[in-house]
Amino acid sequence: MSNKECCDCDDLGIMYTINCEGTLSEDAECCPRMDYPGRDALEEAYNQGQNRGYCDGVKAGREEGYCKGYEQGAMEACENTKQKALDCIRNINCR
């Protein structure tokens, strides 16, 4: 039995070889290692997404949502403060 018949790969695709006696072998050529994208590939994919407008759309949506939320919160805070001030004035007893 050759090493090719005795080799195996783990779940991550990392190769290891077991010879016919069941011990680890130095020859690990039988299982291909999985290729993971490098930093350059990830950066290229990001840049392509940005060029296609994905990132611009996300930024615009965030900005619009943040501004609307801020304006709503500011108006509610102003109304609450105004109401508290009016309540405070009503509670003043002038004699």
PDB file of N, CA and C in Angstrom:
ATOM      1  N   MET A   1       0.854  -1.180   0.000  1.00  0.00           N
ATOM      2  CA  MET A   1       0.000   0.000   0.000  1.00  0.00           C
ATOM      3  C   MET A   1       0.900   1.242   0.000  1.00  0.00           C
ATOM      4  N   SER A   2       0.597   2.192  -0.852  1.00  0.00           N
ATOM      5  CA  SER A   2       1.422   3.395  -0.932  1.00  0.00           C
ATOM      6  C   SER A   2       0.917   4.441   0.054  1.00  0.00           C
ATOM      7  N   ASN A   3       1.740   5.466   0.239  1.00  0.00           N
ATOM      8  CA  ASN A   3       1.329   6.564   1.116  1.00  0.00           C
ATOM      9  C   ASN A   3       0.073   7.245   0.603  1.00  0.00           C
ATOM     10  N   LYS A   4      -0.115   7.279  -0.724  1.00  0.00           N
ATOM     11  CA  LYS A   4      -1.306   7.921  -1.276  1.00  0.00           C
ATOM     12  C   LYS A   4      -2.574   7.245  -0.781  1.00  0.00           C
ATOM     13  N   GLU A   5      -2.514   5.973  -0.541  1.00  0.00           N
ATOM     14  CA  GLU A   5      -3.694   5.261  -0.059  1.00  0.00           C
ATOM     15  C   GLU A   5      -3.892   5.444   1.440  1.00  0.00           C
ATOM     16  N   CYS A   6      -2.862   5.903   2.132  1.00  0.00           N
ATOM     17  CA  CYS A   6      -2.938   6.024   3.588  1.00  0.00           C
ATOM     18  C   CYS A   6      -3.069   7.470   4.068  1.00  0.00           C
ATOM     19  N   CYS A   7      -3.070   8.422   3.153  1.00  0.00           N
ATOM     20  CA  CYS A   7      -3.101   9.813   3.604  1.00  0.00           C
ATOM     21  C   CYS A   7      -4.530  10.264   3.871  1.00  0.00           C
ATOM     22  N   ASP A   8      -4.652  11.389   4.548  1.00  0.00           N
ATOM     23  CA  ASP A   8      -5.962  11.937   4.854  1.00  0.00           C
ATOM     24  C   ASP A   8      -5.821  13.441   5.050  1.00  0.00           C
ATOM     25  N   CYS A   9      -6.927  14.138   5.008  1.00  0.00           N
ATOM     26  CA  CYS A   9      -6.948  15.579   5.276  1.00  0.00           C
ATOM     27  C   CYS A   9      -7.944  15.834   6.400  1.00  0.00           C
ATOM     28  N   ASP A  10      -7.608  16.785   7.258  1.00  0.00           N
ATOM     29  CA  ASP A  10      -8.552  17.102   8.327  1.00  0.00           C
ATOM     30  C   ASP A  10      -9.651  18.014   7.787  1.00  0.00           C
ATOM     31  N   ASP A  11     -10.562  18.452   8.659  1.00  0.00           N
ATOM     32  CA  ASP A  11     -11.720  19.244   8.240  1.00  0.00           C
ATOM     33  C   ASP A  11     -11.341  20.582   7.614  1.00  0.00           C
ATOM     34  N   LEU A  12     -10.182  21.113   7.980  1.00  0.00           N
ATOM     35  CA  LEU A  12      -9.748  22.393   7.437  1.00  0.00           C
ATOM     36  C   LEU A  12      -8.955  22.226   6.150  1.00  0.00           C
ATOM     37  N   GLY A  13      -8.795  20.982   5.695  1.00  0.00           N
ATOM     38  CA  GLY A  13      -8.045  20.740   4.478  1.00  0.00           C
ATOM     39  C   GLY A  13      -6.552  20.673   4.697  1.00  0.00           C
ATOM     40  N   ILE A  14      -6.126  20.633   5.950  1.00  0.00           N
ATOM     41  CA  ILE A  14      -4.696  20.528   6.234  1.00  0.00           C
ATOM     42  C   ILE A  14      -4.294  19.071   6.076  1.00  0.00           C
ATOM     43  N   MET A  15      -3.235  18.865   5.298  1.00  0.00           N
ATOM     44  CA  MET A  15      -2.882  17.496   4.956  1.00  0.00           C
ATOM     45  C   MET A  15      -2.022  16.849   6.032  1.00  0.00           C
ATOM     46  N   TYR A  16      -2.218  15.589   6.181  1.00  0.00           N
ATOM     47  CA  TYR A  16      -1.313  14.776   6.974  1.00  0.00           C
ATOM     48  C   TYR A  16      -1.280  13.400   6.338  1.00  0.00           C
ATOM     49  N   THR A  17      -0.194  12.723   6.530  1.00  0.00           N
ATOM     50  CA  THR A  17      -0.004  11.427   5.887  1.00  0.00           C
ATOM     51  C   THR A  17       0.302  10.385   6.943  1.00  0.00           C
ATOM     52  N   ILE A  18      -0.342   9.266   6.809  1.00  0.00           N
ATOM     53  CA  ILE A  18      -0.072   8.140   7.701  1.00  0.00           C
ATOM     54  C   ILE A  18       0.450   7.006   6.833  1.00  0.00           C
ATOM     55  N   ASN A  19       1.614   6.487   7.181  1.00  0.00           N
ATOM     56  CA  ASN A  19       2.104   5.360   6.388  1.00  0.00           C
ATOM     57  C   ASN A  19       1.397   4.091   6.827  1.00  0.00           C
ATOM     58  N   CYS A  20       1.702   3.009   6.202  1.00  0.00           N
ATOM     59  CA  CYS A  20       0.936   1.786   6.434  1.00  0.00           C
ATOM     60  C   CYS A  20       1.134   1.203   7.826  1.00  0.00           C
ATOM     61  N   GLU A  21       2.144   1.677   8.541  1.00  0.00           N
ATOM     62  CA  GLU A  21       2.315   1.224   9.921  1.00  0.00           C
ATOM     63  C   GLU A  21       1.512   2.093  10.885  1.00  0.00           C
ATOM     64  N   GLY A  22       0.828   3.120  10.369  1.00  0.00           N
ATOM     65  CA  GLY A  22      -0.010   3.964  11.215  1.00  0.00           C
ATOM     66  C   GLY A  22       0.714   5.112  11.864  1.00  0.00           C
ATOM     67  N   THR A  23       1.958   5.370  11.456  1.00  0.00           N
ATOM     68  CA  THR A  23       2.692   6.502  12.025  1.00  0.00           C
ATOM     69  C   THR A  23       2.722   7.640  11.010  1.00  0.00           C
ATOM     70  N   LEU A  24       2.955   8.837  11.488  1.00  0.00           N
ATOM     71  CA  LEU A  24       3.001   9.986  10.589  1.00  0.00           C
ATOM     72  C   LEU A  24       4.203   9.885   9.671  1.00  0.00           C
ATOM     73  N   SER A  25       3.995  10.204   8.428  1.00  0.00           N
ATOM     74  CA  SER A  25       5.058  10.134   7.438  1.00  0.00           C
ATOM     75  C   SER A  25       5.540  11.537   7.115  1.00  0.00           C
ATOM     76  N   GLU A  26       6.773  11.627   6.624  1.00  0.00           N
ATOM     77  CA  GLU A  26       7.307  12.909   6.189  1.00  0.00           C
ATOM     78  C   GLU A  26       6.679  13.334   4.867  1.00  0.00           C
ATOM     79  N   ASP A  27       6.191  12.393   4.085  1.00  0.00           N
ATOM     80  CA  ASP A  27       5.638  12.694   2.770  1.00  0.00           C
ATOM     81  C   ASP A  27       4.201  13.166   2.928  1.00  0.00           C
ATOM     82  N   ALA A  28       3.980  14.446   2.671  1.00  0.00           N
ATOM     83  CA  ALA A  28       2.631  14.992   2.815  1.00  0.00           C
ATOM     84  C   ALA A  28       2.153  15.570   1.492  1.00  0.00           C
ATOM     85  N   GLU A  29       2.596  14.964   0.392  1.00  0.00           N
ATOM     86  CA  GLU A  29       2.258  15.471  -0.930  1.00  0.00           C
ATOM     87  C   GLU A  29       0.899  14.985  -1.412  1.00  0.00           C
ATOM     88  N   CYS A  30       0.304  14.034  -0.750  1.00  0.00           N
ATOM     89  CA  CYS A  30      -0.868  13.391  -1.322  1.00  0.00           C
ATOM     90  C   CYS A  30      -2.154  14.193  -1.152  1.00  0.00           C
ATOM     91  N   CYS A  31      -2.227  15.072  -0.185  1.00  0.00           N
ATOM     92  CA  CYS A  31      -3.449  15.845   0.021  1.00  0.00           C
ATOM     93  C   CYS A  31      -3.185  17.305  -0.311  1.00  0.00           C
ATOM     94  N   PRO A  32      -3.966  17.900  -1.188  1.00  0.00           N
ATOM     95  CA  PRO A  32      -3.763  19.325  -1.482  1.00  0.00           C
ATOM     96  C   PRO A  32      -4.242  20.179  -0.316  1.00  0.00           C
ATOM     97  N   ARG A  33      -3.501  21.199  -0.023  1.00  0.00           N
ATOM     98  CA  ARG A  33      -3.899  22.122   1.039  1.00  0.00           C
ATOM     99  C   ARG A  33      -4.873  23.135   0.455  1.00  0.00           C
ATOM    100  N   MET A  34      -5.875  23.491   1.222  1.00  0.00           N
ATOM    101  CA  MET A  34      -6.852  24.469   0.736  1.00  0.00           C
ATOM    102  C   MET A  34      -6.191  25.838   0.642  1.00  0.00           C
ATOM    103  N   ASP A  35      -6.520  26.561  -0.396  1.00  0.00           N
ATOM    104  CA  ASP A  35      -5.993  27.910  -0.557  1.00  0.00           C
ATOM    105  C   ASP A  35      -6.982  28.902   0.045  1.00  0.00           C
ATOM    106  N   TYR A  36      -6.496  29.716   0.949  1.00  0.00           N
ATOM    107  CA  TYR A  36      -7.319  30.768   1.538  1.00  0.00           C
ATOM    108  C   TYR A  36      -6.933  32.090   0.888  1.00  0.00           C
ATOM    109  N   PRO A  37      -7.876  33.006   0.726  1.00  0.00           N
ATOM    110  CA  PRO A  37      -7.525  34.279   0.088  1.00  0.00           C
ATOM    111  C   PRO A  37      -6.552  35.066   0.947  1.00  0.00           C
ATOM    112  N   GLY A  38      -5.583  35.654   0.294  1.00  0.00           N
ATOM    113  CA  GLY A  38      -4.615  36.486   0.991  1.00  0.00           C
ATOM    114  C   GLY A  38      -5.147  37.888   1.184  1.00  0.00           C
ATOM    115  N   ARG A  39      -4.350  38.706   1.840  1.00  0.00           N
ATOM    116  CA  ARG A  39      -4.756  40.082   2.114  1.00  0.00           C
ATOM    117  C   ARG A  39      -5.022  40.850   0.828  1.00  0.00           C
ATOM    118  N   ASP A  40      -4.178  40.642  -0.181  1.00  0.00           N
ATOM    119  CA  ASP A  40      -4.348  41.354  -1.449  1.00  0.00           C
ATOM    120  C   ASP A  40      -5.674  41.004  -2.110  1.00  0.00           C
ATOM    121  N   ALA A  41      -6.053  39.736  -2.062  1.00  0.00           N
ATOM    122  CA  ALA A  41      -7.313  39.312  -2.680  1.00  0.00           C
ATOM    123  C   ALA A  41      -8.502  39.924  -1.951  1.00  0.00           C
ATOM    124  N   LEU A  42      -8.439  39.968  -0.630  1.00  0.00           N
ATOM    125  CA  LEU A  42      -9.534  40.556   0.144  1.00  0.00           C
ATOM    126  C   LEU A  42      -9.638  42.057  -0.115  1.00  0.00           C
ATOM    127  N   GLU A  43      -8.482  42.707  -0.207  1.00  0.00           N
ATOM    128  CA  GLU A  43      -8.479  44.145  -0.482  1.00  0.00           C
ATOM    129  C   GLU A  43      -9.045  44.431  -1.873  1.00  0.00           C
ATOM    130  N   GLU A  44      -8.683  43.596  -2.842  1.00  0.00           N
ATOM    131  CA  GLU A  44      -9.197  43.756  -4.206  1.00  0.00           C
ATOM    132  C   GLU A  44     -10.714  43.581  -4.234  1.00  0.00           C
ATOM    133  N   ALA A  45     -11.217  42.581  -3.514  1.00  0.00           N
ATOM    134  CA  ALA A  45     -12.664  42.355  -3.459  1.00  0.00           C
ATOM    135  C   ALA A  45     -13.373  43.547  -2.820  1.00  0.00           C
ATOM    136  N   TYR A  46     -12.788  44.083  -1.766  1.00  0.00           N
ATOM    137  CA  TYR A  46     -13.369  45.257  -1.104  1.00  0.00           C
ATOM    138  C   TYR A  46     -13.418  46.440  -2.064  1.00  0.00           C
ATOM    139  N   ASN A  47     -12.310  46.661  -2.779  1.00  0.00           N
ATOM    140  CA  ASN A  47     -12.252  47.780  -3.718  1.00  0.00           C
ATOM    141  C   ASN A  47     -13.269  47.621  -4.838  1.00  0.00           C
ATOM    142  N   GLN A  48     -13.453  46.408  -5.323  1.00  0.00           N
ATOM    143  CA  GLN A  48     -14.450  46.172  -6.361  1.00  0.00           C
ATOM    144  C   GLN A  48     -15.845  46.478  -5.833  1.00  0.00           C
ATOM    145  N   GLY A  49     -16.131  46.065  -4.611  1.00  0.00           N
ATOM    146  CA  GLY A  49     -17.431  46.369  -4.014  1.00  0.00           C
ATOM    147  C   GLY A  49     -17.641  47.861  -3.866  1.00  0.00           C
ATOM    148  N   GLN A  50     -16.585  48.547  -3.480  1.00  0.00           N
ATOM    149  CA  GLN A  50     -16.683  49.992  -3.319  1.00  0.00           C
ATOM    150  C   GLN A  50     -16.916  50.653  -4.675  1.00  0.00           C
ATOM    151  N   ASN A  51     -16.229  50.169  -5.695  1.00  0.00           N
ATOM    152  CA  ASN A  51     -16.396  50.736  -7.035  1.00  0.00           C
ATOM    153  C   ASN A  51     -17.794  50.489  -7.576  1.00  0.00           C
ATOM    154  N   ARG A  52     -18.416  49.438  -7.178  1.00  0.00           N
ATOM    155  CA  ARG A  52     -19.758  49.121  -7.677  1.00  0.00           C
ATOM    156  C   ARG A  52     -20.848  49.838  -6.897  1.00  0.00           C
ATOM    157  N   GLY A  53     -20.470  50.659  -5.974  1.00  0.00           N
ATOM    158  CA  GLY A  53     -21.450  51.481  -5.284  1.00  0.00           C
ATOM    159  C   GLY A  53     -22.007  50.871  -4.012  1.00  0.00           C
ATOM    160  N   TYR A  54     -21.594  49.654  -3.687  1.00  0.00           N
ATOM    161  CA  TYR A  54     -22.127  49.013  -2.487  1.00  0.00           C
ATOM    162  C   TYR A  54     -21.806  49.844  -1.253  1.00  0.00           C
ATOM    163  N   CYS A  55     -20.529  50.193  -1.136  1.00  0.00           N
ATOM    164  CA  CYS A  55     -20.122  50.942   0.055  1.00  0.00           C
ATOM    165  C   CYS A  55     -20.760  52.322   0.088  1.00  0.00           C
ATOM    166  N   ASP A  56     -20.890  52.947  -1.089  1.00  0.00           N
ATOM    167  CA  ASP A  56     -21.538  54.260  -1.136  1.00  0.00           C
ATOM    168  C   ASP A  56     -22.984  54.165  -0.668  1.00  0.00           C
ATOM    169  N   GLY A  57     -23.668  53.102  -1.090  1.00  0.00           N
ATOM    170  CA  GLY A  57     -25.057  52.918  -0.675  1.00  0.00           C
ATOM    171  C   GLY A  57     -25.178  52.711   0.822  1.00  0.00           C
ATOM    172  N   VAL A  58     -24.266  51.924   1.376  1.00  0.00           N
ATOM    173  CA  VAL A  58     -24.287  51.687   2.824  1.00  0.00           C
ATOM    174  C   VAL A  58     -24.021  52.986   3.566  1.00  0.00           C
ATOM    175  N   LYS A  59     -23.023  53.734   3.106  1.00  0.00           N
ATOM    176  CA  LYS A  59     -22.691  55.003   3.763  1.00  0.00           C
ATOM    177  C   LYS A  59     -23.864  55.976   3.705  1.00  0.00           C
ATOM    178  N   ALA A  60     -24.506  56.072   2.531  1.00  0.00           N
ATOM    179  CA  ALA A  60     -25.639  56.991   2.385  1.00  0.00           C
ATOM    180  C   ALA A  60     -26.788  56.580   3.296  1.00  0.00           C
ATOM    181  N   GLY A  61     -27.062  55.283   3.364  1.00  0.00           N
ATOM    182  CA  GLY A  61     -28.135  54.800   4.230  1.00  0.00           C
ATOM    183  C   GLY A  61     -27.849  55.080   5.689  1.00  0.00           C
ATOM    184  N   ARG A  62     -26.607  54.869   6.084  1.00  0.00           N
ATOM    185  CA  ARG A  62     -26.232  55.137   7.473  1.00  0.00           C
ATOM    186  C   ARG A  62     -26.381  56.613   7.785  1.00  0.00           C
ATOM    187  N   GLU A  63     -25.851  57.429   6.877  1.00  0.00           N
ATOM    188  CA  GLU A  63     -25.886  58.876   7.116  1.00  0.00           C
ATOM    189  C   GLU A  63     -27.322  59.367   7.225  1.00  0.00           C
ATOM    190  N   GLU A  64     -28.161  58.918   6.307  1.00  0.00           N
ATOM    191  CA  GLU A  64     -29.566  59.337   6.326  1.00  0.00           C
ATOM    192  C   GLU A  64     -30.251  58.851   7.601  1.00  0.00           C
ATOM    193  N   GLY A  65     -30.007  57.598   7.961  1.00  0.00           N
ATOM    194  CA  GLY A  65     -30.610  57.046   9.171  1.00  0.00           C
ATOM    195  C   GLY A  65     -30.119  57.736  10.426  1.00  0.00           C
ATOM    196  N   TYR A  66     -28.818  58.002  10.494  1.00  0.00           N
ATOM    197  CA  TYR A  66     -28.269  58.674  11.661  1.00  0.00           C
ATOM    198  C   TYR A  66     -28.842  60.077  11.798  1.00  0.00           C
ATOM    199  N   CYS A  67     -28.902  60.786  10.664  1.00  0.00           N
ATOM    200  CA  CYS A  67     -29.410  62.165  10.721  1.00  0.00           C
ATOM    201  C   CYS A  67     -30.872  62.200  11.140  1.00  0.00           C
ATOM    202  N   LYS A  68     -31.676  61.306  10.576  1.00  0.00           N
ATOM    203  CA  LYS A  68     -33.096  61.276  10.950  1.00  0.00           C
ATOM    204  C   LYS A  68     -33.249  60.934  12.428  1.00  0.00           C
ATOM    205  N   GLY A  69     -32.490  59.954  12.879  1.00  0.00           N
ATOM    206  CA  GLY A  69     -32.563  59.569  14.288  1.00  0.00           C
ATOM    207  C   GLY A  69     -32.114  60.692  15.204  1.00  0.00           C
ATOM    208  N   TYR A  70     -31.052  61.384  14.807  1.00  0.00           N
ATOM    209  CA  TYR A  70     -30.551  62.488  15.619  1.00  0.00           C
ATOM    210  C   TYR A  70     -31.580  63.609  15.692  1.00  0.00           C
ATOM    211  N   GLU A  71     -32.144  63.966  14.519  1.00  0.00           N
ATOM    212  CA  GLU A  71     -33.143  65.039  14.494  1.00  0.00           C
ATOM    213  C   GLU A  71     -34.357  64.686  15.343  1.00  0.00           C
ATOM    214  N   GLN A  72     -34.814  63.450  15.228  1.00  0.00           N
ATOM    215  CA  GLN A  72     -35.974  63.003  16.018  1.00  0.00           C
ATOM    216  C   GLN A  72     -35.656  63.074  17.510  1.00  0.00           C
ATOM    217  N   GLY A  73     -34.471  62.577  17.873  1.00  0.00           N
ATOM    218  CA  GLY A  73     -34.073  62.613  19.280  1.00  0.00           C
ATOM    219  C   GLY A  73     -33.924  64.028  19.797  1.00  0.00           C
ATOM    220  N   ALA A  74     -33.366  64.910  18.971  1.00  0.00           N
ATOM    221  CA  ALA A  74     -33.180  66.303  19.384  1.00  0.00           C
ATOM    222  C   ALA A  74     -34.526  66.990  19.580  1.00  0.00           C
ATOM    223  N   MET A  75     -35.464  66.746  18.672  1.00  0.00           N
ATOM    224  CA  MET A  75     -36.797  67.360  18.806  1.00  0.00           C
ATOM    225  C   MET A  75     -37.505  66.849  20.054  1.00  0.00           C
ATOM    226  N   GLU A  76     -37.426  65.539  20.292  1.00  0.00           N
ATOM    227  CA  GLU A  76     -38.079  64.978  21.481  1.00  0.00           C
ATOM    228  C   GLU A  76     -37.443  65.522  22.751  1.00  0.00           C
ATOM    229  N   ALA A  77     -36.122  65.645  22.754  1.00  0.00           N
ATOM    230  CA  ALA A  77     -35.435  66.173  23.933  1.00  0.00           C
ATOM    231  C   ALA A  77     -35.829  67.628  24.170  1.00  0.00           C
ATOM    232  N   CYS A  78     -35.946  68.382  23.084  1.00  0.00           N
ATOM    233  CA  CYS A  78     -36.346  69.788  23.209  1.00  0.00           C
ATOM    234  C   CYS A  78     -37.764  69.895  23.769  1.00  0.00           C
ATOM    235  N   GLU A  79     -38.662  69.088  23.245  1.00  0.00           N
ATOM    236  CA  GLU A  79     -40.050  69.098  23.727  1.00  0.00           C
ATOM    237  C   GLU A  79     -40.111  68.706  25.203  1.00  0.00           C
ATOM    238  N   ASN A  80     -39.343  67.683  25.580  1.00  0.00           N
ATOM    239  CA  ASN A  80     -39.328  67.246  26.986  1.00  0.00           C
ATOM    240  C   ASN A  80     -38.806  68.351  27.893  1.00  0.00           C
ATOM    241  N   THR A  81     -37.726  69.010  27.462  1.00  0.00           N
ATOM    242  CA  THR A  81     -37.147  70.092  28.261  1.00  0.00           C
ATOM    243  C   THR A  81     -38.124  71.252  28.387  1.00  0.00           C
ATOM    244  N   LYS A  82     -38.763  71.590  27.276  1.00  0.00           N
ATOM    245  CA  LYS A  82     -39.749  72.680  27.278  1.00  0.00           C
ATOM    246  C   LYS A  82     -40.896  72.359  28.231  1.00  0.00           C
ATOM    247  N   GLN A  83     -41.392  71.124  28.175  1.00  0.00           N
ATOM    248  CA  GLN A  83     -42.504  70.723  29.034  1.00  0.00           C
ATOM    249  C   GLN A  83     -42.099  70.757  30.504  1.00  0.00           C
ATOM    250  N   LYS A  84     -40.886  70.309  30.806  1.00  0.00           N
ATOM    251  CA  LYS A  84     -40.414  70.348  32.197  1.00  0.00           C
ATOM    252  C   LYS A  84     -40.305  71.786  32.689  1.00  0.00           C
ATOM    253  N   ALA A  85     -39.842  72.681  31.820  1.00  0.00           N
ATOM    254  CA  ALA A  85     -39.724  74.092  32.202  1.00  0.00           C
ATOM    255  C   ALA A  85     -41.101  74.692  32.473  1.00  0.00           C
ATOM    256  N   LEU A  86     -42.067  74.390  31.598  1.00  0.00           N
ATOM    257  CA  LEU A  86     -43.431  74.899  31.806  1.00  0.00           C
ATOM    258  C   LEU A  86     -44.038  74.344  33.088  1.00  0.00           C
ATOM    259  N   ASP A  87     -43.824  73.054  33.347  1.00  0.00           N
ATOM    260  CA  ASP A  87     -44.332  72.454  34.589  1.00  0.00           C
ATOM    261  C   ASP A  87     -43.702  73.116  35.802  1.00  0.00           C
ATOM    262  N   CYS A  88     -42.409  73.411  35.698  1.00  0.00           N
ATOM    263  CA  CYS A  88     -41.706  74.045  36.806  1.00  0.00           C
ATOM    264  C   CYS A  88     -42.273  75.445  37.062  1.00  0.00           C
ATOM    265  N   ILE A  89     -42.504  76.198  35.989  1.00  0.00           N
ATOM    266  CA  ILE A  89     -43.061  77.556  36.126  1.00  0.00           C
ATOM    267  C   ILE A  89     -44.456  77.505  36.741  1.00  0.00           C
ATOM    268  N   ARG A  90     -45.263  76.546  36.337  1.00  0.00           N
ATOM    269  CA  ARG A  90     -46.625  76.422  36.879  1.00  0.00           C
ATOM    270  C   ARG A  90     -46.608  76.116  38.375  1.00  0.00           C
ATOM    271  N   ASN A  91     -45.550  75.468  38.830  1.00  0.00           N
ATOM    272  CA  ASN A  91     -45.472  75.100  40.245  1.00  0.00           C
ATOM    273  C   ASN A  91     -44.965  76.230  41.140  1.00  0.00           C
ATOM    274  N   ILE A  92     -44.554  77.338  40.535  1.00  0.00           N
ATOM    275  CA  ILE A  92     -44.082  78.471  41.341  1.00  0.00           C
ATOM    276  C   ILE A  92     -45.299  79.190  41.931  1.00  0.00           C
ATOM    277  N   ASN A  93     -45.283  79.368  43.217  1.00  0.00           N
ATOM    278  CA  ASN A  93     -46.388  80.071  43.889  1.00  0.00           C
ATOM    279  C   ASN A  93     -45.957  81.498  44.192  1.00  0.00           C
ATOM    280  N   CYS A  94     -46.547  82.415  43.477  1.00  0.00           N
ATOM    281  CA  CYS A  94     -46.253  83.834  43.728  1.00  0.00           C
ATOM    282  C   CYS A  94     -47.336  84.384  44.655  1.00  0.00           C
ATOM    283  N   ARG A  95     -46.960  84.967  45.773  1.00  0.00           N
ATOM    284  CA  ARG A  95     -47.933  85.526  46.712  1.00  0.00           C
ATOM    285  C   ARG A  95     -47.632  86.943  47.022  1.00  0.00           C
TER     286      ARG A  95
END
